[in-house]
């Protein structure tokens, strides 16, 4: 069973009736090398759950991420309700299980274990994708600074300003169960009780740090009020902004899902209130196979999907954009 594909593994836990229902709502397709799965910009509300082989996500003619078995192509588009973000092409012979919106709904209603496994695959894929794209932007910026300016540590206000972080501690207080964010408040009662027992409130003032680049995640934070920005160091004194997040955003979930250190420091830019959950509790909530618990996974996918188009555009622009900004703001004659 260890060599079985992701769908076969979950089907093995089901009775024959549920297996037939799952097969009815998933269309398995064999792909040849170079065969297209999705095209950027198209409206096609379906996901492709990779069962074998590898699928490359491409920007123009370059591959920027590879989806492996267990991963999901198109999760950010379907759960984020937007046009296709990438062109996806089979980079090896591959097999995918395709489900459109109607099929996804039926899977949640009739065979929750299959829906939960697929949604967790989409979350892990999206987490790894965002992390890899962020890292590419950071590496491109570092390389460009080294190439074009020896004193970048002092003269690059254009890269989201020079940030001086005072390591102020977060202020923590007891959290009222009656004010849980919607993504938790809408869970079934038994599951919500687990979330309430674990939840603590976090309040930050502008400039205070919620999570720090390079540190292992100590929690997942659900933003209730206020805005924060994710910043990554590109030199000793300069950080670039990777994203800005606000209410209903989730901070730290990519690191917890992948069990990796944070790729960015997240700092408040206005007063912030958030709910913190222990990593094990968050992963436990995401893994619940009750149909009603699917709303939590879908909410997390929707929140994370909004990060993808901006970071994709920065990867696509890459050094060309940096060159334009630097020449206009740093190397131009002030006179």
Protein backbone atom coordinates (compact mmCIF):
# COMPACT_ATOMS: atom_id res chain seq x y z
CA UNK A 1 0.00 0.00 0.00
CA UNK A 2 2.99 2.34 0.56
CA UNK A 3 3.43 2.67 -3.22
CA UNK A 4 -0.26 3.31 -3.88
CA UNK A 5 -1.36 6.65 -5.26
CA UNK A 6 -3.00 9.21 -2.91
CA UNK A 7 -6.54 8.39 -4.05
CA UNK A 8 -6.08 4.63 -3.65
CA UNK A 9 -4.74 5.12 -0.13
CA UNK A 10 -7.82 6.98 1.05
CA UNK A 11 -10.22 4.69 -0.86
CA UNK A 12 -8.74 1.71 0.96
CA UNK A 13 -10.31 3.06 4.16
CA UNK A 14 -13.81 3.20 2.65
CA UNK A 15 -16.47 0.62 1.93
CA UNK A 16 -17.30 -0.40 -1.63
CA UNK A 17 -20.26 1.99 -1.90
CA UNK A 18 -18.21 5.03 -0.91
CA UNK A 19 -15.40 3.97 -3.25
CA UNK A 20 -17.85 3.89 -6.17
CA UNK A 21 -19.20 7.33 -5.24
CA UNK A 22 -15.69 8.78 -5.09
CA UNK A 23 -14.72 7.26 -8.43
CA UNK A 24 -17.91 8.63 -9.98
CA UNK A 25 -17.02 12.21 -9.07
CA UNK A 26 -13.33 12.08 -9.95
CA UNK A 27 -12.22 11.86 -13.57
CA UNK A 28 -8.78 10.27 -13.88
CA UNK A 29 -6.71 11.42 -16.86
CA UNK A 30 -3.38 10.12 -18.14
CA UNK A 31 -1.00 12.85 -19.37
CA UNK A 32 1.92 12.68 -21.75
CA UNK A 33 5.07 14.76 -21.27
CA UNK A 34 4.34 18.31 -22.41
CA UNK A 35 0.56 17.91 -22.24
CA UNK A 36 -1.21 20.96 -20.86
CA UNK A 37 -3.33 20.72 -17.72
CA UNK A 38 -4.32 24.39 -17.33
CA UNK A 39 -3.69 27.65 -19.19
CA UNK A 40 -3.07 30.92 -17.42
CA UNK A 41 -6.03 33.27 -17.51
CA UNK A 42 -8.66 30.70 -18.44
CA UNK A 43 -11.84 30.27 -16.41
CA UNK A 44 -11.98 26.60 -15.48
CA UNK A 45 -13.25 25.89 -11.94
CA UNK A 46 -11.72 22.45 -11.52
CA UNK A 47 -8.76 21.04 -9.62
CA UNK A 48 -6.33 18.37 -10.77
CA UNK A 49 -5.22 16.09 -7.92
CA UNK A 50 -1.88 14.60 -8.94
CA UNK A 51 -1.76 10.82 -8.53
CA UNK A 52 1.47 10.04 -10.37
CA UNK A 53 4.23 11.96 -12.13
CA UNK A 54 4.98 15.67 -11.94
CA UNK A 55 3.23 18.81 -13.16
CA UNK A 56 5.23 22.00 -13.77
CA UNK A 57 3.65 25.38 -13.10
CA UNK A 58 5.00 27.87 -15.60
CA UNK A 59 5.31 31.61 -16.06
CA UNK A 60 5.96 32.29 -19.74
CA UNK A 61 8.60 29.70 -20.68
CA UNK A 62 10.05 29.05 -17.23
CA UNK A 63 8.97 26.49 -14.65
CA UNK A 64 8.57 28.06 -11.20
CA UNK A 65 7.10 25.19 -9.17
CA UNK A 66 6.56 21.43 -9.49
CA UNK A 67 3.46 19.68 -8.16
CA UNK A 68 4.17 16.11 -7.07
CA UNK A 69 1.81 13.22 -6.21
CA UNK A 70 -0.59 14.21 -3.47
CA UNK A 71 -0.43 17.83 -4.58
CA UNK A 72 -3.22 19.73 -6.29
CA UNK A 73 -3.05 21.87 -9.42
CA UNK A 74 -5.43 24.83 -9.52
CA UNK A 75 -6.35 24.97 -5.85
CA UNK A 76 -5.58 28.67 -5.61
CA UNK A 77 -7.82 29.36 -8.61
CA UNK A 78 -10.82 27.28 -7.53
CA UNK A 79 -10.80 28.13 -3.82
CA UNK A 80 -9.78 31.72 -4.52
CA UNK A 81 -12.48 32.07 -7.23
CA UNK A 82 -10.17 33.60 -9.83
CA UNK A 83 -8.83 32.86 -13.34
CA UNK A 84 -5.99 30.38 -13.74
CA UNK A 85 -2.83 31.78 -12.15
CA UNK A 86 -0.35 29.57 -14.01
CA UNK A 87 -0.01 27.40 -17.05
CA UNK A 88 0.45 23.81 -15.86
CA UNK A 89 2.17 21.22 -18.06
CA UNK A 90 3.11 17.61 -17.40
CA UNK A 91 6.90 17.47 -17.02
CA UNK A 92 6.82 13.65 -16.81
CA UNK A 93 4.19 11.09 -17.74
CA UNK A 94 1.50 11.81 -15.17
CA UNK A 95 -1.96 10.89 -13.96
CA UNK A 96 -4.40 13.33 -12.34
CA UNK A 97 -7.88 13.05 -10.83
CA UNK A 98 -10.00 16.02 -11.91
CA UNK A 99 -12.93 17.42 -9.94
CA UNK A 100 -15.03 20.46 -10.81
CA UNK A 101 -16.99 22.53 -8.28
CA UNK A 102 -20.04 20.25 -8.38
CA UNK A 103 -17.89 17.16 -7.90
CA UNK A 104 -16.05 18.80 -4.98
CA UNK A 105 -19.38 19.55 -3.31
CA UNK A 106 -20.53 15.96 -3.78
CA UNK A 107 -17.29 14.58 -2.36
CA UNK A 108 -17.68 16.75 0.76
CA UNK A 109 -21.25 15.56 1.24
CA UNK A 110 -20.89 11.87 0.38
CA UNK A 111 -17.25 10.87 0.98
CA UNK A 112 -15.69 13.38 3.44
CA UNK A 113 -12.38 11.47 3.83
CA UNK A 114 -11.66 11.92 0.12
CA UNK A 115 -12.59 15.61 0.21
CA UNK A 116 -10.45 16.19 3.32
CA UNK A 117 -7.42 14.47 1.77
CA UNK A 118 -7.75 16.47 -1.45
CA UNK A 119 -8.18 19.79 0.43
CA UNK A 120 -5.16 19.09 2.64
CA UNK A 121 -3.18 18.32 -0.51
CA UNK A 122 -4.25 21.67 -1.92
CA UNK A 123 -3.20 23.45 1.29
CA UNK A 124 0.23 21.83 1.32
CA UNK A 125 0.72 22.58 -2.38
CA UNK A 126 -0.25 26.22 -1.93
CA UNK A 127 2.01 26.54 1.12
CA UNK A 128 5.02 25.11 -0.69
CA UNK A 129 4.31 27.21 -3.79
CA UNK A 130 4.06 30.50 -1.92
CA UNK A 131 7.20 29.70 0.04
CA UNK A 132 9.18 28.86 -3.11
CA UNK A 133 7.99 31.97 -4.98
CA UNK A 134 8.80 34.17 -1.97
CA UNK A 135 12.27 32.66 -1.81
CA UNK A 136 12.79 33.33 -5.50
CA UNK A 137 11.90 37.02 -5.12
CA UNK A 138 14.26 37.28 -2.15
CA UNK A 139 17.13 35.57 -3.98
CA UNK A 140 16.63 37.67 -7.13
CA UNK A 141 16.69 40.87 -5.09
CA UNK A 142 19.81 39.87 -3.18
CA UNK A 143 21.60 38.96 -6.40
CA UNK A 144 20.61 42.22 -8.05
CA UNK A 145 21.79 44.30 -5.10
CA UNK A 146 25.16 42.54 -5.06
CA UNK A 147 25.50 43.03 -8.79
CA UNK A 148 24.56 46.70 -8.97
CA UNK A 149 25.47 48.44 -5.79
CA UNK A 150 28.20 47.81 -3.23
CA UNK A 151 26.63 50.08 -0.62
CA UNK A 152 23.09 48.77 -0.92
CA UNK A 153 22.84 48.43 2.85
CA UNK A 154 22.78 52.22 3.10
CA UNK A 155 21.18 53.47 -0.10
CA UNK A 156 18.12 51.37 -0.85
CA UNK A 157 15.07 53.08 0.66
CA UNK A 158 13.29 52.06 -2.54
CA UNK A 159 13.15 48.42 -1.45
CA UNK A 160 10.21 48.90 0.93
CA UNK A 161 12.37 51.25 3.04
CA UNK A 162 15.11 50.38 5.52
CA UNK A 163 13.40 48.59 8.40
CA UNK A 164 14.68 48.77 11.97
CA UNK A 165 12.81 46.20 14.05
CA UNK A 166 12.75 46.77 17.78
CA UNK A 167 12.19 43.29 19.22
CA UNK A 168 9.10 44.26 21.19
CA UNK A 169 7.19 41.31 22.65
CA UNK A 170 3.63 40.60 21.66
CA UNK A 171 1.05 41.43 24.32
CA UNK A 172 -1.08 38.40 25.18
CA UNK A 173 -4.35 38.37 27.07
CA UNK A 174 -7.10 35.86 27.71
CA UNK A 175 -9.34 35.37 24.71
CA UNK A 176 -13.12 35.43 24.85
CA UNK A 177 -14.71 32.42 23.12
CA UNK A 178 -17.55 34.69 22.07
CA UNK A 179 -15.32 36.69 19.75
CA UNK A 180 -13.65 33.94 17.73
CA UNK A 181 -12.98 34.89 14.09
CA UNK A 182 -15.59 33.65 11.58
CA UNK A 183 -13.33 30.91 10.20
CA UNK A 184 -13.48 29.25 13.66
CA UNK A 185 -16.88 30.43 14.85
CA UNK A 186 -18.63 28.65 11.97
CA UNK A 187 -17.20 25.20 12.87
CA UNK A 188 -19.39 22.45 14.33
CA UNK A 189 -19.81 22.85 18.08
CA UNK A 190 -17.56 19.97 19.15
CA UNK A 191 -14.74 21.14 16.90
CA UNK A 192 -15.25 24.78 17.87
CA UNK A 193 -14.89 23.85 21.54
CA UNK A 194 -11.43 22.44 20.78
CA UNK A 195 -10.46 25.67 19.05
CA UNK A 196 -11.80 27.80 21.91
CA UNK A 197 -9.90 25.80 24.52
CA UNK A 198 -6.63 26.40 22.65
CA UNK A 199 -7.16 29.97 21.46
CA UNK A 200 -5.35 32.91 23.02
CA UNK A 201 -5.65 36.54 22.05
CA UNK A 202 -2.72 38.55 20.76
CA UNK A 203 -2.60 42.33 20.51
CA UNK A 204 0.17 44.28 18.80
CA UNK A 205 0.96 47.95 18.33
CA UNK A 206 2.52 49.26 15.10
CA UNK A 207 6.10 48.03 14.79
CA UNK A 208 5.65 44.97 16.96
CA UNK A 209 6.60 41.60 15.50
CA UNK A 210 4.15 38.71 15.25
CA UNK A 211 6.50 36.09 13.75
CA UNK A 212 10.17 36.39 12.90
CA UNK A 213 12.07 35.22 9.81
CA UNK A 214 14.10 32.06 10.42
CA UNK A 215 12.29 31.04 13.60
CA UNK A 216 10.32 27.82 13.85
CA UNK A 217 6.56 28.43 14.08
CA UNK A 218 5.16 28.51 17.62
CA UNK A 219 1.58 29.04 16.50
CA UNK A 220 -0.87 29.97 13.77
CA UNK A 221 -2.40 33.45 13.96
CA UNK A 222 -5.86 34.34 12.64
CA UNK A 223 -6.03 38.09 12.11
CA UNK A 224 -9.23 39.68 13.45
CA UNK A 225 -8.46 43.40 13.20
CA UNK A 226 -5.61 45.49 11.80
CA UNK A 227 -2.99 45.09 9.11
CA UNK A 228 0.49 43.62 9.01
CA UNK A 229 3.22 43.26 6.42
CA UNK A 230 5.53 40.34 5.68
CA UNK A 231 9.12 41.47 5.24
CA UNK A 232 12.18 39.46 4.22
CA UNK A 233 15.78 40.52 4.75
CA UNK A 234 17.83 40.95 1.57
CA UNK A 235 20.89 42.37 3.35
CA UNK A 236 21.91 43.26 6.89
CA UNK A 237 19.97 46.52 6.88
CA UNK A 238 17.36 46.15 4.13
CA UNK A 239 14.13 44.18 3.97
CA UNK A 240 11.61 43.93 1.14
CA UNK A 241 7.88 43.66 1.57
CA UNK A 242 6.52 40.34 0.33
CA UNK A 243 2.88 40.86 1.24
CA UNK A 244 0.40 42.86 3.29
CA UNK A 245 -2.29 41.02 5.24
CA UNK A 246 -5.42 42.13 7.03
CA UNK A 247 -8.55 40.81 8.75
CA UNK A 248 -9.39 37.15 8.05
CA UNK A 249 -5.81 36.44 6.97
CA UNK A 250 -3.88 33.53 8.48
CA UNK A 251 -0.24 34.03 9.50
CA UNK A 252 2.09 31.07 10.01
CA UNK A 253 0.03 28.34 8.41
CA UNK A 254 2.48 27.67 5.56
CA UNK A 255 5.33 27.12 8.03
CA UNK A 256 3.18 24.88 10.24
CA UNK A 257 1.87 22.82 7.31
CA UNK A 258 5.39 22.25 5.98
CA UNK A 259 7.12 22.17 9.41
CA UNK A 260 9.60 24.80 8.19
CA UNK A 261 10.96 28.04 9.70
CA UNK A 262 9.24 31.29 8.77
CA UNK A 263 10.49 32.77 5.49
CA UNK A 264 9.55 36.33 6.52
CA UNK A 265 9.09 38.59 9.52
CA UNK A 266 5.50 39.73 9.98
CA UNK A 267 5.15 43.11 11.69
CA UNK A 268 2.10 45.22 12.57
CA UNK A 269 1.60 48.44 10.62
CA UNK A 270 -1.45 49.42 12.69
CA UNK A 271 -2.99 48.09 15.93
CA UNK A 272 -3.65 44.38 15.45
CA UNK A 273 -5.81 41.82 17.22
CA UNK A 274 -5.33 38.15 16.35
CA UNK A 275 -6.13 34.69 17.68
CA UNK A 276 -3.28 32.26 18.23
CA UNK A 277 -3.66 28.47 17.99
CA UNK A 278 -1.04 25.87 18.85
CA UNK A 279 0.41 24.24 15.69
CA UNK A 280 -0.79 20.77 16.73
CA UNK A 281 -4.31 22.07 17.35
CA UNK A 282 -4.38 23.84 13.97
CA UNK A 283 -3.24 20.72 12.15
CA UNK A 284 -5.77 18.68 14.09
CA UNK A 285 -8.58 21.03 13.07
CA UNK A 286 -7.51 20.90 9.42
CA UNK A 287 -7.46 17.10 9.50
CA UNK A 288 -11.01 16.61 10.79
CA UNK A 289 -13.02 14.70 8.17
CA UNK A 290 -16.48 15.89 9.28
CA UNK A 291 -18.16 17.52 6.23
CA UNK A 292 -18.77 20.73 8.20
CA UNK A 293 -15.05 20.99 9.00
CA UNK A 294 -14.33 21.38 5.29
CA UNK A 295 -15.29 25.04 5.70
CA UNK A 296 -12.10 25.61 7.72
CA UNK A 297 -9.88 24.14 5.00
CA UNK A 298 -11.74 26.07 2.31
CA UNK A 299 -11.42 29.27 4.34
CA UNK A 300 -7.69 28.75 4.73
CA UNK A 301 -7.33 28.03 1.00
CA UNK A 302 -9.31 31.14 0.11
CA UNK A 303 -7.19 33.32 2.42
CA UNK A 304 -3.90 31.93 1.09
CA UNK A 305 -4.96 32.11 -2.56
CA UNK A 306 -4.96 35.91 -2.48
CA UNK A 307 -1.19 35.85 -1.95
CA UNK A 308 -0.45 34.04 -5.20
CA UNK A 309 -1.11 36.57 -8.03
CA UNK A 310 1.00 39.40 -6.48
CA UNK A 311 3.98 37.17 -5.77
CA UNK A 312 3.64 35.52 -9.21
CA UNK A 313 3.73 38.95 -10.83
CA UNK A 314 6.88 39.85 -8.91
CA UNK A 315 8.58 36.64 -9.98
CA UNK A 316 7.54 37.31 -13.58
CA UNK A 317 8.85 40.88 -13.48
CA UNK A 318 11.93 39.90 -11.47
CA UNK A 319 15.13 41.77 -12.29
CA UNK A 320 13.51 43.89 -15.00
CA UNK A 321 11.34 45.62 -12.39
CA UNK A 322 14.21 46.01 -9.97
CA UNK A 323 16.35 47.58 -12.67
CA UNK A 324 13.65 50.12 -13.50
CA UNK A 325 13.09 51.12 -9.88
CA UNK A 326 16.78 51.40 -9.11
CA UNK A 327 17.60 53.49 -12.15
CA UNK A 328 14.70 55.84 -11.53
CA UNK A 329 15.19 56.29 -7.77
CA UNK A 330 18.82 55.62 -7.03
CA UNK A 331 20.94 56.31 -10.07
CA UNK A 332 19.06 59.30 -11.50
CA UNK A 333 20.58 62.77 -11.24
CA UNK A 334 18.76 64.63 -8.44
CA UNK A 335 19.52 67.90 -10.14
